[in-house]
Amino acid sequence: MKEIDKLQKWLDKNSKRDYSNKTVVITGGNSGIGFYLASILAMKHANIILPVRNKSRGEEAKRLILESYPDAKITLMDLDLSSFKSIEKFVNDIIKNNIDIDIFVNNAGVFHMPKNQTKEGLELTIGTNFIGVKYLNDLLKDYLLSLKHQVEVIFTTSVASYRGRINYDDFMLDKKYNKFRSYCNSKLCVTHYFIEYIKDVENTNIKTYLTHPGTTYTPLIKKAYPGIFGSIAKVGMRILFHLPNKACLGMVLALEKQKDHAYYAPRGLLEVSGYPKEVKFRKRLYKNQDKTIKISTEIIQKCKANN
């Protein structure tokens, strides 16, 4: 795969871990950043599970990976983070089939969507990127804790999280919707959940890492800005920022370092592009973290009670 070949010098220097017989689950692994992470780890002999919302796109991603790495082991599963029923089925299938997970990568999400709703009637972006991620990991946590070996869990936030400004009186932006604000807030909420998750799994078999990929052109941009605007964005972002093959390297570095609770981001100006490095956790990211967890837990409970 030529996009991976371009990274080989960095990989040779920074990625020496053996992933043979490791089972890696990557949500959103059928395209963009997740696809290139799946490709790199498949090249390194990991067993890859791709939970996908669209099966045909999942099959195409699997075909492309196998085309470059014929011996890769790729399994598709169904998962839609905008549906509690789909999340519950996915977790039940993991448990029922006793899938021995070594690494779980929370990568899937939506970007700058027009105002819409999840299956539970929540605002789509926050409902998918945060509420869905929280519900999935809450349900899966006890199973991961029961495994008799180390499990690594990666959460993917965004440089946009630094722009998050949560109004707790309008948490889901029902009163005043803005797609940029919704995305920023959803990723800040993921960071808040990462902080909470650390508390829950402290001194257990689970290690946790947080990454953000900087700014990159992915299929999410095309979905958010179809037509001429999407084409302009594609050209501009390819010139100014890095591509998804390079953007996924923060996750690779996290898995190489295996440093519990570490945070990785691009090393370039304002963390928008560049090869990854460990970065300091900004203090303002802790602000109102407890409020985010409290209100999101109540939202999940209410959704479950209504279904």
C-alpha atoms as a PDB file:
ATOM      1  CA  MET A   1       0.000   0.000   0.000  1.00  0.00           C
ATOM      2  CA  LYS A   2       1.749   3.131  -1.253  1.00  0.00           C
ATOM      3  CA  GLU A   3       0.284   5.383   1.465  1.00  0.00           C
ATOM      4  CA  ILE A   4       1.851   3.131   4.102  1.00  0.00           C
ATOM      5  CA  ASP A   5       5.111   2.829   2.158  1.00  0.00           C
ATOM      6  CA  LYS A   6       5.539   6.608   2.490  1.00  0.00           C
ATOM      7  CA  LEU A   7       5.584   6.177   6.285  1.00  0.00           C
ATOM      8  CA  GLN A   8       8.016   3.271   6.339  1.00  0.00           C
ATOM      9  CA  LYS A   9      10.995   5.276   7.553  1.00  0.00           C
ATOM     10  CA  TRP A  10       9.025   6.543  10.563  1.00  0.00           C
ATOM     11  CA  LEU A  11       7.554   3.094  11.225  1.00  0.00           C
ATOM     12  CA  ASP A  12      10.969   1.422  11.079  1.00  0.00           C
ATOM     13  CA  LYS A  13      12.245   3.834  13.705  1.00  0.00           C
ATOM     14  CA  ASN A  14       9.208   4.127  15.975  1.00  0.00           C
ATOM     15  CA  SER A  15       7.115   0.982  15.585  1.00  0.00           C
ATOM     16  CA  LYS A  16       8.957  -2.187  16.581  1.00  0.00           C
ATOM     17  CA  ARG A  17       6.181  -3.928  18.543  1.00  0.00           C
ATOM     18  CA  ASP A  18       5.077  -7.431  17.570  1.00  0.00           C
ATOM     19  CA  TYR A  19       1.306  -7.617  17.066  1.00  0.00           C
ATOM     20  CA  SER A  20       1.187 -11.285  16.108  1.00  0.00           C
ATOM     21  CA  ASN A  21      -1.866 -12.935  17.672  1.00  0.00           C
ATOM     22  CA  LYS A  22      -3.077  -9.596  19.062  1.00  0.00           C
ATOM     23  CA  THR A  23      -6.762  -8.873  18.423  1.00  0.00           C
ATOM     24  CA  VAL A  24      -7.414  -5.228  17.646  1.00  0.00           C
ATOM     25  CA  VAL A  25     -10.888  -3.717  17.369  1.00  0.00           C
ATOM     26  CA  ILE A  26     -11.014  -0.411  15.451  1.00  0.00           C
ATOM     27  CA  THR A  27     -14.340   1.391  15.210  1.00  0.00           C
ATOM     28  CA  GLY A  28     -14.621   3.464  12.047  1.00  0.00           C
ATOM     29  CA  GLY A  29     -11.840   1.403  10.522  1.00  0.00           C
ATOM     30  CA  ASN A  30     -13.399   1.193   7.074  1.00  0.00           C
ATOM     31  CA  SER A  31     -12.167   4.652   6.010  1.00  0.00           C
ATOM     32  CA  GLY A  32      -9.888   7.574   6.809  1.00  0.00           C
ATOM     33  CA  ILE A  33      -7.647   7.451   9.854  1.00  0.00           C
ATOM     34  CA  GLY A  34      -9.089   4.178  11.121  1.00  0.00           C
ATOM     35  CA  PHE A  35      -8.495   2.478   7.784  1.00  0.00           C
ATOM     36  CA  TYR A  36      -4.799   3.364   7.767  1.00  0.00           C
ATOM     37  CA  LEU A  37      -4.364   2.283  11.380  1.00  0.00           C
ATOM     38  CA  ALA A  38      -6.021  -1.034  10.483  1.00  0.00           C
ATOM     39  CA  SER A  39      -3.705  -1.370   7.473  1.00  0.00           C
ATOM     40  CA  ILE A  40      -0.550  -0.732   9.506  1.00  0.00           C
ATOM     41  CA  LEU A  41      -1.536  -3.195  12.227  1.00  0.00           C
ATOM     42  CA  ALA A  42      -2.625  -5.784   9.647  1.00  0.00           C
ATOM     43  CA  MET A  43       0.810  -5.403   8.030  1.00  0.00           C
ATOM     44  CA  LYS A  44       2.241  -6.124  11.474  1.00  0.00           C
ATOM     45  CA  HIS A  45       0.203  -9.360  11.721  1.00  0.00           C
ATOM     46  CA  ALA A  46      -2.549  -8.272  14.140  1.00  0.00           C
ATOM     47  CA  ASN A  47      -5.997  -9.844  13.934  1.00  0.00           C
ATOM     48  CA  ILE A  48      -8.228  -6.907  12.953  1.00  0.00           C
ATOM     49  CA  ILE A  49     -11.914  -6.542  13.795  1.00  0.00           C
ATOM     50  CA  LEU A  50     -13.702  -3.709  12.007  1.00  0.00           C
ATOM     51  CA  PRO A  51     -17.104  -2.809  13.485  1.00  0.00           C
ATOM     52  CA  VAL A  52     -18.868  -0.955  10.666  1.00  0.00           C
ATOM     53  CA  ARG A  53     -22.195   0.759  10.097  1.00  0.00           C
ATOM     54  CA  ASN A  54     -22.139   0.170   6.330  1.00  0.00           C
ATOM     55  CA  LYS A  55     -21.314  -3.449   5.460  1.00  0.00           C
ATOM     56  CA  SER A  56     -20.507  -2.789   1.787  1.00  0.00           C
ATOM     57  CA  ARG A  57     -17.947  -0.121   2.739  1.00  0.00           C
ATOM     58  CA  GLY A  58     -16.545  -2.499   5.289  1.00  0.00           C
ATOM     59  CA  GLU A  59     -16.162  -5.199   2.631  1.00  0.00           C
ATOM     60  CA  GLU A  60     -14.373  -2.723   0.352  1.00  0.00           C
ATOM     61  CA  ALA A  61     -11.963  -1.731   3.146  1.00  0.00           C
ATOM     62  CA  LYS A  62     -11.284  -5.405   3.857  1.00  0.00           C
ATOM     63  CA  ARG A  63     -10.628  -6.041   0.161  1.00  0.00           C
ATOM     64  CA  LEU A  64      -8.151  -3.156  -0.062  1.00  0.00           C
ATOM     65  CA  ILE A  65      -6.226  -4.277   3.013  1.00  0.00           C
ATOM     66  CA  LEU A  66      -6.070  -7.878   1.795  1.00  0.00           C
ATOM     67  CA  GLU A  67      -4.940  -6.663  -1.627  1.00  0.00           C
ATOM     68  CA  SER A  68      -1.830  -5.190   0.010  1.00  0.00           C
ATOM     69  CA  TYR A  69      -1.423  -7.727   2.813  1.00  0.00           C
ATOM     70  CA  PRO A  70      -2.885 -11.062   1.627  1.00  0.00           C
ATOM     71  CA  ASP A  71      -2.179 -12.848   4.905  1.00  0.00           C
ATOM     72  CA  ALA A  72      -4.071 -10.252   6.981  1.00  0.00           C
ATOM     73  CA  LYS A  73      -6.894 -11.455   9.212  1.00  0.00           C
ATOM     74  CA  ILE A  74      -9.845  -9.068   8.922  1.00  0.00           C
ATOM     75  CA  THR A  75     -13.272  -9.650  10.494  1.00  0.00           C
ATOM     76  CA  LEU A  76     -16.273  -7.358  10.031  1.00  0.00           C
ATOM     77  CA  MET A  77     -18.924  -6.762  12.681  1.00  0.00           C
ATOM     78  CA  ASP A  78     -21.999  -4.539  12.743  1.00  0.00           C
ATOM     79  CA  LEU A  79     -21.951  -1.364  14.843  1.00  0.00           C
ATOM     80  CA  ASP A  80     -23.833   1.910  14.580  1.00  0.00           C
ATOM     81  CA  LEU A  81     -22.907   4.330  17.374  1.00  0.00           C
ATOM     82  CA  SER A  82     -26.078   6.321  16.768  1.00  0.00           C
ATOM     83  CA  SER A  83     -28.209   3.369  17.910  1.00  0.00           C
ATOM     84  CA  PHE A  84     -28.328   1.931  21.439  1.00  0.00           C
ATOM     85  CA  LYS A  85     -29.791  -1.292  20.048  1.00  0.00           C
ATOM     86  CA  SER A  86     -26.850  -1.698  17.668  1.00  0.00           C
ATOM     87  CA  ILE A  87     -24.345  -0.937  20.453  1.00  0.00           C
ATOM     88  CA  GLU A  88     -25.998  -3.481  22.762  1.00  0.00           C
ATOM     89  CA  LYS A  89     -25.992  -6.160  20.050  1.00  0.00           C
ATOM     90  CA  PHE A  90     -22.326  -5.518  19.268  1.00  0.00           C
ATOM     91  CA  VAL A  91     -21.292  -5.815  22.928  1.00  0.00           C
ATOM     92  CA  ASN A  92     -23.450  -8.928  23.375  1.00  0.00           C
ATOM     93  CA  ASP A  93     -21.832 -10.518  20.311  1.00  0.00           C
ATOM     94  CA  ILE A  94     -18.359  -9.773  21.722  1.00  0.00           C
ATOM     95  CA  ILE A  95     -19.278 -11.392  25.046  1.00  0.00           C
ATOM     96  CA  LYS A  96     -21.234 -14.313  23.574  1.00  0.00           C
ATOM     97  CA  ASN A  97     -18.384 -15.227  21.233  1.00  0.00           C
ATOM     98  CA  ASN A  98     -15.780 -14.663  23.952  1.00  0.00           C
ATOM     99  CA  ILE A  99     -13.690 -12.480  21.650  1.00  0.00           C
ATOM    100  CA  ASP A 100     -10.325 -12.020  23.318  1.00  0.00           C
ATOM    101  CA  ILE A 101      -9.638  -8.315  22.766  1.00  0.00           C
ATOM    102  CA  ASP A 102      -6.115  -6.969  23.271  1.00  0.00           C
ATOM    103  CA  ILE A 103      -6.611  -3.463  21.892  1.00  0.00           C
ATOM    104  CA  PHE A 104      -9.823  -1.460  21.477  1.00  0.00           C
ATOM    105  CA  VAL A 105      -9.654   1.745  19.424  1.00  0.00           C
ATOM    106  CA  ASN A 106     -12.524   4.235  19.706  1.00  0.00           C
ATOM    107  CA  ASN A 107     -12.180   6.018  16.375  1.00  0.00           C
ATOM    108  CA  ALA A 108     -15.616   6.185  14.705  1.00  0.00           C
ATOM    109  CA  GLY A 109     -17.548   9.419  14.590  1.00  0.00           C
ATOM    110  CA  VAL A 110     -19.400  11.994  12.487  1.00  0.00           C
ATOM    111  CA  PHE A 111     -18.347  15.515  11.534  1.00  0.00           C
ATOM    112  CA  HIS A 112     -20.209  18.818  10.999  1.00  0.00           C
ATOM    113  CA  MET A 113     -23.558  17.183  10.321  1.00  0.00           C
ATOM    114  CA  PRO A 114     -26.765  19.080   9.542  1.00  0.00           C
ATOM    115  CA  LYS A 115     -29.152  18.995  12.483  1.00  0.00           C
ATOM    116  CA  ASN A 116     -30.439  15.446  12.783  1.00  0.00           C
ATOM    117  CA  GLN A 117     -31.164  12.807  15.407  1.00  0.00           C
ATOM    118  CA  THR A 118     -29.900   9.431  16.567  1.00  0.00           C
ATOM    119  CA  LYS A 119     -32.246   6.462  16.876  1.00  0.00           C
ATOM    120  CA  GLU A 120     -32.932   7.594  20.466  1.00  0.00           C
ATOM    121  CA  GLY A 121     -33.823  11.123  19.366  1.00  0.00           C
ATOM    122  CA  LEU A 122     -30.578  12.779  20.471  1.00  0.00           C
ATOM    123  CA  GLU A 123     -28.721  15.408  18.450  1.00  0.00           C
ATOM    124  CA  LEU A 124     -26.748  13.325  15.972  1.00  0.00           C
ATOM    125  CA  THR A 125     -23.152  14.550  16.424  1.00  0.00           C
ATOM    126  CA  ILE A 126     -23.035  14.614  20.233  1.00  0.00           C
ATOM    127  CA  GLY A 127     -25.261  11.541  20.335  1.00  0.00           C
ATOM    128  CA  THR A 128     -22.858   9.566  18.128  1.00  0.00           C
ATOM    129  CA  ASN A 129     -19.418  10.950  18.962  1.00  0.00           C
ATOM    130  CA  PHE A 130     -19.919  11.058  22.719  1.00  0.00           C
ATOM    131  CA  ILE A 131     -23.116   9.453  24.033  1.00  0.00           C
ATOM    132  CA  GLY A 132     -22.646   6.427  21.741  1.00  0.00           C
ATOM    133  CA  VAL A 133     -18.965   6.113  22.668  1.00  0.00           C
ATOM    134  CA  LYS A 134     -19.750   6.390  26.382  1.00  0.00           C
ATOM    135  CA  TYR A 135     -22.551   3.838  26.207  1.00  0.00           C
ATOM    136  CA  LEU A 136     -20.392   1.398  24.221  1.00  0.00           C
ATOM    137  CA  ASN A 137     -17.451   1.609  26.595  1.00  0.00           C
ATOM    138  CA  ASP A 138     -19.615   1.519  29.722  1.00  0.00           C
ATOM    139  CA  LEU A 139     -21.198  -1.723  28.490  1.00  0.00           C
ATOM    140  CA  LEU A 140     -17.898  -3.266  27.409  1.00  0.00           C
ATOM    141  CA  LYS A 141     -15.839  -2.284  30.450  1.00  0.00           C
ATOM    142  CA  ASP A 142     -16.649  -5.197  32.760  1.00  0.00           C
ATOM    143  CA  TYR A 143     -15.904  -7.695  29.998  1.00  0.00           C
ATOM    144  CA  LEU A 144     -12.505  -6.125  29.312  1.00  0.00           C
ATOM    145  CA  LEU A 145     -11.770  -6.126  33.041  1.00  0.00           C
ATOM    146  CA  SER A 146     -12.534  -9.858  33.169  1.00  0.00           C
ATOM    147  CA  LEU A 147      -9.860 -10.723  30.602  1.00  0.00           C
ATOM    148  CA  LYS A 148      -6.711 -12.294  32.032  1.00  0.00           C
ATOM    149  CA  HIS A 149      -4.232 -10.078  30.231  1.00  0.00           C
ATOM    150  CA  GLN A 150      -3.495  -6.438  29.520  1.00  0.00           C
ATOM    151  CA  VAL A 151      -6.068  -4.594  27.427  1.00  0.00           C
ATOM    152  CA  GLU A 152      -5.317  -1.239  25.806  1.00  0.00           C
ATOM    153  CA  VAL A 153      -8.113   1.241  25.080  1.00  0.00           C
ATOM    154  CA  ILE A 154      -7.599   4.283  22.861  1.00  0.00           C
ATOM    155  CA  PHE A 155      -9.991   7.225  22.788  1.00  0.00           C
ATOM    156  CA  THR A 156      -9.820   9.614  19.846  1.00  0.00           C
ATOM    157  CA  THR A 157     -10.595  13.255  20.469  1.00  0.00           C
ATOM    158  CA  SER A 158      -9.903  16.242  18.190  1.00  0.00           C
ATOM    159  CA  VAL A 159      -7.934  19.459  18.133  1.00  0.00           C
ATOM    160  CA  ALA A 160     -11.429  20.992  17.897  1.00  0.00           C
ATOM    161  CA  SER A 161     -12.018  19.897  21.501  1.00  0.00           C
ATOM    162  CA  TYR A 162      -9.947  22.916  22.569  1.00  0.00           C
ATOM    163  CA  ARG A 163     -12.747  25.062  21.123  1.00  0.00           C
ATOM    164  CA  GLY A 164     -15.477  23.237  23.012  1.00  0.00           C
ATOM    165  CA  ARG A 165     -17.777  25.415  25.130  1.00  0.00           C
ATOM    166  CA  ILE A 166     -20.516  23.344  26.746  1.00  0.00           C
ATOM    167  CA  ASN A 167     -23.772  24.990  27.800  1.00  0.00           C
ATOM    168  CA  TYR A 168     -25.095  22.618  30.442  1.00  0.00           C
ATOM    169  CA  ASP A 169     -28.540  24.184  30.174  1.00  0.00           C
ATOM    170  CA  ASP A 170     -28.597  23.166  26.499  1.00  0.00           C
ATOM    171  CA  PHE A 171     -26.224  20.203  26.508  1.00  0.00           C
ATOM    172  CA  MET A 172     -27.570  18.613  23.304  1.00  0.00           C
ATOM    173  CA  LEU A 173     -27.938  21.999  21.553  1.00  0.00           C
ATOM    174  CA  ASP A 174     -31.686  21.505  21.179  1.00  0.00           C
ATOM    175  CA  LYS A 175     -32.358  25.227  21.634  1.00  0.00           C
ATOM    176  CA  LYS A 176     -29.520  26.662  19.585  1.00  0.00           C
ATOM    177  CA  TYR A 177     -27.867  24.283  17.134  1.00  0.00           C
ATOM    178  CA  ASN A 178     -24.537  24.946  15.461  1.00  0.00           C
ATOM    179  CA  LYS A 179     -22.763  22.077  13.699  1.00  0.00           C
ATOM    180  CA  PHE A 180     -19.280  23.396  14.452  1.00  0.00           C
ATOM    181  CA  ARG A 181     -20.118  23.858  18.142  1.00  0.00           C
ATOM    182  CA  SER A 182     -21.712  20.421  18.257  1.00  0.00           C
ATOM    183  CA  TYR A 183     -18.569  18.755  16.913  1.00  0.00           C
ATOM    184  CA  CYS A 184     -16.224  20.687  19.216  1.00  0.00           C
ATOM    185  CA  ASN A 185     -18.372  19.902  22.243  1.00  0.00           C
ATOM    186  CA  SER A 186     -18.700  16.226  21.328  1.00  0.00           C
ATOM    187  CA  LYS A 187     -14.926  15.830  21.273  1.00  0.00           C
ATOM    188  CA  LEU A 188     -14.442  17.790  24.502  1.00  0.00           C
ATOM    189  CA  CYS A 189     -16.967  15.407  26.059  1.00  0.00           C
ATOM    190  CA  VAL A 190     -14.920  12.426  24.850  1.00  0.00           C
ATOM    191  CA  THR A 191     -11.933  13.930  26.664  1.00  0.00           C
ATOM    192  CA  HIS A 192     -14.082  14.288  29.804  1.00  0.00           C
ATOM    193  CA  TYR A 193     -15.110  10.645  29.470  1.00  0.00           C
ATOM    194  CA  PHE A 194     -11.472   9.591  29.079  1.00  0.00           C
ATOM    195  CA  ILE A 195     -10.745  11.260  32.448  1.00  0.00           C
ATOM    196  CA  GLU A 196     -13.657   9.367  34.023  1.00  0.00           C
ATOM    197  CA  TYR A 197     -12.670   6.078  32.404  1.00  0.00           C
ATOM    198  CA  ILE A 198      -9.171   6.380  33.890  1.00  0.00           C
ATOM    199  CA  LYS A 199     -10.708   6.572  37.375  1.00  0.00           C
ATOM    200  CA  ASP A 200     -12.836   3.495  36.747  1.00  0.00           C
ATOM    201  CA  VAL A 201      -9.978   1.275  35.535  1.00  0.00           C
ATOM    202  CA  GLU A 202      -7.135   2.528  37.723  1.00  0.00           C
ATOM    203  CA  ASN A 203      -4.859  -0.311  38.906  1.00  0.00           C
ATOM    204  CA  THR A 204      -6.526  -2.893  36.652  1.00  0.00           C
ATOM    205  CA  ASN A 205      -5.515  -4.769  33.496  1.00  0.00           C
ATOM    206  CA  ILE A 206      -6.695  -1.862  31.306  1.00  0.00           C
ATOM    207  CA  LYS A 207      -4.331   0.798  29.990  1.00  0.00           C
ATOM    208  CA  THR A 208      -5.791   3.949  28.452  1.00  0.00           C
ATOM    209  CA  TYR A 209      -4.485   6.420  25.873  1.00  0.00           C
ATOM    210  CA  LEU A 210      -5.918   9.594  24.365  1.00  0.00           C
ATOM    211  CA  THR A 211      -4.989  10.813  20.882  1.00  0.00           C
ATOM    212  CA  HIS A 212      -6.062  13.458  18.440  1.00  0.00           C
ATOM    213  CA  PRO A 213      -5.056  13.345  14.761  1.00  0.00           C
ATOM    214  CA  GLY A 214      -4.761  17.071  14.107  1.00  0.00           C
ATOM    215  CA  THR A 215      -6.445  18.385  10.965  1.00  0.00           C
ATOM    216  CA  THR A 216      -6.717  16.114   7.960  1.00  0.00           C
ATOM    217  CA  TYR A 217      -8.910  15.453   4.970  1.00  0.00           C
ATOM    218  CA  THR A 218     -11.008  12.318   5.452  1.00  0.00           C
ATOM    219  CA  PRO A 219     -14.305  11.062   3.965  1.00  0.00           C
ATOM    220  CA  LEU A 220     -16.036  12.798   6.901  1.00  0.00           C
ATOM    221  CA  ILE A 221     -15.190  16.140   5.277  1.00  0.00           C
ATOM    222  CA  LYS A 222     -16.802  15.028   2.020  1.00  0.00           C
ATOM    223  CA  LYS A 223     -19.965  14.000   3.862  1.00  0.00           C
ATOM    224  CA  ALA A 224     -20.099  17.276   5.774  1.00  0.00           C
ATOM    225  CA  TYR A 225     -19.417  19.456   2.714  1.00  0.00           C
ATOM    226  CA  PRO A 226     -20.656  17.753  -0.465  1.00  0.00           C
ATOM    227  CA  GLY A 227     -20.217  19.216  -3.940  1.00  0.00           C
ATOM    228  CA  ILE A 228     -17.885  22.055  -4.806  1.00  0.00           C
ATOM    229  CA  PHE A 229     -17.230  23.024  -1.174  1.00  0.00           C
ATOM    230  CA  GLY A 230     -16.031  19.531  -0.395  1.00  0.00           C
ATOM    231  CA  SER A 231     -13.736  19.564  -3.437  1.00  0.00           C
ATOM    232  CA  ILE A 232     -12.245  22.894  -2.406  1.00  0.00           C
ATOM    233  CA  ALA A 233     -11.771  21.614   1.151  1.00  0.00           C
ATOM    234  CA  LYS A 234     -10.045  18.487  -0.154  1.00  0.00           C
ATOM    235  CA  VAL A 235      -7.506  20.458  -2.194  1.00  0.00           C
ATOM    236  CA  GLY A 236      -6.890  23.047   0.536  1.00  0.00           C
ATOM    237  CA  MET A 237      -6.512  20.529   3.339  1.00  0.00           C
ATOM    238  CA  ARG A 238      -4.160  18.330   1.306  1.00  0.00           C
ATOM    239  CA  ILE A 239      -1.909  21.352   0.827  1.00  0.00           C
ATOM    240  CA  LEU A 240      -2.051  22.795   4.339  1.00  0.00           C
ATOM    241  CA  PHE A 241      -2.438  19.757   6.593  1.00  0.00           C
ATOM    242  CA  HIS A 242      -1.450  16.107   6.688  1.00  0.00           C
ATOM    243  CA  LEU A 243      -3.247  13.117   5.229  1.00  0.00           C
ATOM    244  CA  PRO A 244      -5.033  10.356   7.168  1.00  0.00           C
ATOM    245  CA  ASN A 245      -2.183   7.869   6.707  1.00  0.00           C
ATOM    246  CA  LYS A 246       0.091  10.198   8.704  1.00  0.00           C
ATOM    247  CA  ALA A 247      -2.696  11.357  11.027  1.00  0.00           C
ATOM    248  CA  CYS A 248      -3.174   7.818  12.396  1.00  0.00           C
ATOM    249  CA  LEU A 249       0.400   7.641  13.700  1.00  0.00           C
ATOM    250  CA  GLY A 250      -0.534   9.114  17.082  1.00  0.00           C
ATOM    251  CA  MET A 251      -2.429   5.898  17.753  1.00  0.00           C
ATOM    252  CA  VAL A 252       0.539   3.837  16.583  1.00  0.00           C
ATOM    253  CA  LEU A 253       2.863   5.768  18.899  1.00  0.00           C
ATOM    254  CA  ALA A 254       0.476   5.311  21.843  1.00  0.00           C
ATOM    255  CA  LEU A 255       0.496   1.550  21.265  1.00  0.00           C
ATOM    256  CA  GLU A 256       4.279   1.516  20.992  1.00  0.00           C
ATOM    257  CA  LYS A 257       4.923   3.527  24.160  1.00  0.00           C
ATOM    258  CA  GLN A 258       2.204   1.764  26.207  1.00  0.00           C
ATOM    259  CA  LYS A 259       2.288   4.649  28.701  1.00  0.00           C
ATOM    260  CA  ASP A 260      -0.861   4.611  30.784  1.00  0.00           C
ATOM    261  CA  HIS A 261      -3.059   7.759  30.518  1.00  0.00           C
ATOM    262  CA  ALA A 262      -0.719   9.382  27.959  1.00  0.00           C
ATOM    263  CA  TYR A 263      -1.986  11.904  25.401  1.00  0.00           C
ATOM    264  CA  TYR A 264      -0.608  12.099  21.837  1.00  0.00           C
ATOM    265  CA  ALA A 265      -1.033  14.765  19.161  1.00  0.00           C
ATOM    266  CA  PRO A 266       0.805  16.110  16.082  1.00  0.00           C
ATOM    267  CA  ARG A 267       4.015  17.969  16.879  1.00  0.00           C
ATOM    268  CA  GLY A 268       3.404  20.804  14.389  1.00  0.00           C
ATOM    269  CA  LEU A 269       2.194  24.357  15.015  1.00  0.00           C
ATOM    270  CA  LEU A 270      -1.038  24.391  17.055  1.00  0.00           C
ATOM    271  CA  GLU A 271      -1.075  20.573  16.858  1.00  0.00           C
ATOM    272  CA  VAL A 272      -2.745  20.620  13.449  1.00  0.00           C
ATOM    273  CA  SER A 273      -0.261  18.404  11.574  1.00  0.00           C
ATOM    274  CA  GLY A 274       3.046  16.594  11.779  1.00  0.00           C
ATOM    275  CA  TYR A 275       4.425  13.383  13.203  1.00  0.00           C
ATOM    276  CA  PRO A 276       3.060  12.608  16.681  1.00  0.00           C
ATOM    277  CA  LYS A 277       4.481  13.254  20.117  1.00  0.00           C
ATOM    278  CA  GLU A 278       3.243  13.044  23.688  1.00  0.00           C
ATOM    279  CA  VAL A 279       1.657  16.329  24.741  1.00  0.00           C
ATOM    280  CA  LYS A 280       0.646  17.784  28.075  1.00  0.00           C
ATOM    281  CA  PHE A 281      -2.965  17.579  29.156  1.00  0.00           C
ATOM    282  CA  ARG A 282      -4.357  21.111  29.252  1.00  0.00           C
ATOM    283  CA  LYS A 283      -5.871  22.033  32.611  1.00  0.00           C
ATOM    284  CA  ARG A 284      -8.985  23.581  31.099  1.00  0.00           C
ATOM    285  CA  LEU A 285      -9.919  20.174  29.692  1.00  0.00           C
ATOM    286  CA  TYR A 286     -10.759  19.100  33.261  1.00  0.00           C
ATOM    287  CA  LYS A 287     -13.221  21.951  33.741  1.00  0.00           C
ATOM    288  CA  ASN A 288     -16.781  20.733  34.504  1.00  0.00           C
ATOM    289  CA  GLN A 289     -15.791  17.154  33.694  1.00  0.00           C
ATOM    290  CA  ASP A 290     -18.030  15.884  36.501  1.00  0.00           C
ATOM    291  CA  LYS A 291     -21.004  17.792  35.067  1.00  0.00           C
ATOM    292  CA  THR A 292     -20.488  16.206  31.654  1.00  0.00           C
ATOM    293  CA  ILE A 293     -20.464  12.704  33.114  1.00  0.00           C
ATOM    294  CA  LYS A 294     -23.479  13.363  35.337  1.00  0.00           C
ATOM    295  CA  ILE A 295     -25.696  14.800  32.617  1.00  0.00           C
ATOM    296  CA  SER A 296     -24.666  12.231  29.988  1.00  0.00           C
ATOM    297  CA  THR A 297     -25.350   9.377  32.412  1.00  0.00           C
ATOM    298  CA  GLU A 298     -28.811  10.824  33.027  1.00  0.00           C
ATOM    299  CA  ILE A 299     -29.415  11.121  29.272  1.00  0.00           C
ATOM    300  CA  ILE A 300     -28.487   7.471  28.732  1.00  0.00           C
ATOM    301  CA  GLN A 301     -30.717   6.350  31.593  1.00  0.00           C
ATOM    302  CA  LYS A 302     -33.614   8.376  30.212  1.00  0.00           C
ATOM    303  CA  CYS A 303     -33.156   6.942  26.718  1.00  0.00           C
ATOM    304  CA  LYS A 304     -33.128   3.400  28.072  1.00  0.00           C
ATOM    305  CA  ALA A 305     -36.227   4.055  30.175  1.00  0.00           C
ATOM    306  CA  ASN A 306     -38.093   5.326  27.111  1.00  0.00           C
ATOM    307  CA  ASN A 307     -37.248   2.302  24.956  1.00  0.00           C
END
